[in-house]
Amino acid sequence: MGACSEGCIGKQVGRWMEEMVKEMVKEMDEGDG
């Protein structure tokens, strides 16, 4: 992680956030059903 540039870290965090949002939406959809 330390060798990564800030831009690289930003991309990783963005992807991680997208995955978390997808999981949250999936859980909410299942909860409503």
N, C-alpha and C. Protein backbone atom coordinates (compact mmCIF):
# COMPACT_ATOMS: atom_id res chain seq x y z
N MET A 1 0.85 -1.20 0.00
CA MET A 1 0.00 0.00 0.00
C MET A 1 0.88 1.25 0.00
N GLY A 2 1.96 1.23 0.76
CA GLY A 2 2.81 2.41 0.86
C GLY A 2 3.43 2.79 -0.48
N ALA A 3 3.76 1.80 -1.32
CA ALA A 3 4.38 2.08 -2.61
C ALA A 3 3.36 2.66 -3.59
N CYS A 4 2.09 2.49 -3.31
CA CYS A 4 1.04 2.96 -4.22
C CYS A 4 0.93 4.48 -4.16
N SER A 5 0.67 5.10 -5.31
CA SER A 5 0.46 6.56 -5.32
C SER A 5 -0.94 6.87 -4.80
N GLU A 6 -1.19 8.13 -4.47
CA GLU A 6 -2.49 8.51 -3.93
C GLU A 6 -3.60 8.20 -4.93
N GLY A 7 -3.33 8.41 -6.22
CA GLY A 7 -4.33 8.12 -7.25
C GLY A 7 -4.69 6.64 -7.24
N CYS A 8 -3.67 5.80 -7.09
CA CYS A 8 -3.91 4.35 -7.06
C CYS A 8 -4.77 4.00 -5.86
N ILE A 9 -4.44 4.57 -4.69
CA ILE A 9 -5.22 4.30 -3.48
C ILE A 9 -6.66 4.78 -3.67
N GLY A 10 -6.82 5.94 -4.29
CA GLY A 10 -8.16 6.48 -4.53
C GLY A 10 -8.98 5.51 -5.36
N LYS A 11 -8.35 4.92 -6.38
CA LYS A 11 -9.07 3.96 -7.23
C LYS A 11 -9.48 2.75 -6.41
N GLN A 12 -8.56 2.24 -5.58
CA GLN A 12 -8.85 1.07 -4.76
C GLN A 12 -10.01 1.36 -3.82
N VAL A 13 -9.98 2.54 -3.16
CA VAL A 13 -11.03 2.91 -2.22
C VAL A 13 -12.36 3.05 -2.95
N GLY A 14 -12.33 3.67 -4.13
CA GLY A 14 -13.56 3.83 -4.91
C GLY A 14 -14.17 2.49 -5.25
N ARG A 15 -13.33 1.55 -5.67
CA ARG A 15 -13.83 0.22 -6.02
C ARG A 15 -14.40 -0.46 -4.77
N TRP A 16 -13.68 -0.33 -3.63
CA TRP A 16 -14.12 -0.94 -2.37
C TRP A 16 -15.47 -0.37 -1.94
N MET A 17 -15.61 0.97 -2.08
CA MET A 17 -16.88 1.61 -1.72
C MET A 17 -18.00 1.08 -2.60
N GLU A 18 -17.74 0.92 -3.91
CA GLU A 18 -18.77 0.41 -4.82
C GLU A 18 -19.21 -0.97 -4.39
N GLU A 19 -18.24 -1.84 -4.03
CA GLU A 19 -18.58 -3.19 -3.58
C GLU A 19 -19.45 -3.13 -2.33
N MET A 20 -19.08 -2.26 -1.38
CA MET A 20 -19.85 -2.14 -0.13
C MET A 20 -21.27 -1.69 -0.43
N VAL A 21 -21.43 -0.71 -1.33
CA VAL A 21 -22.77 -0.22 -1.67
C VAL A 21 -23.58 -1.35 -2.30
N LYS A 22 -22.95 -2.12 -3.19
CA LYS A 22 -23.66 -3.23 -3.84
C LYS A 22 -24.15 -4.22 -2.78
N GLU A 23 -23.28 -4.55 -1.82
CA GLU A 23 -23.66 -5.49 -0.76
C GLU A 23 -24.82 -4.93 0.05
N MET A 24 -24.75 -3.64 0.38
CA MET A 24 -25.82 -3.01 1.18
C MET A 24 -27.14 -3.06 0.42
N VAL A 25 -27.12 -2.74 -0.87
CA VAL A 25 -28.35 -2.76 -1.68
C VAL A 25 -28.90 -4.18 -1.73
N LYS A 26 -28.00 -5.16 -1.88
CA LYS A 26 -28.44 -6.56 -1.95
C LYS A 26 -29.15 -6.93 -0.65
N GLU A 27 -28.54 -6.55 0.49
CA GLU A 27 -29.13 -6.88 1.79
C GLU A 27 -30.48 -6.19 1.95
N MET A 28 -30.57 -4.94 1.53
CA MET A 28 -31.83 -4.19 1.66
C MET A 28 -32.91 -4.85 0.80
N ASP A 29 -32.56 -5.24 -0.41
CA ASP A 29 -33.53 -5.89 -1.29
C ASP A 29 -34.03 -7.18 -0.65
N GLU A 30 -33.12 -7.97 -0.08
CA GLU A 30 -33.51 -9.23 0.55
C GLU A 30 -34.39 -8.95 1.76
N GLY A 31 -34.06 -7.91 2.52
CA GLY A 31 -34.83 -7.57 3.72
C GLY A 31 -36.26 -7.19 3.36
N ASP A 32 -36.42 -6.41 2.28
CA ASP A 32 -37.76 -5.99 1.88
C ASP A 32 -38.59 -7.19 1.47
N GLY A 33 -37.97 -8.14 0.75
CA GLY A 33 -38.70 -9.30 0.24
C GLY A 33 -39.22 -10.13 1.36
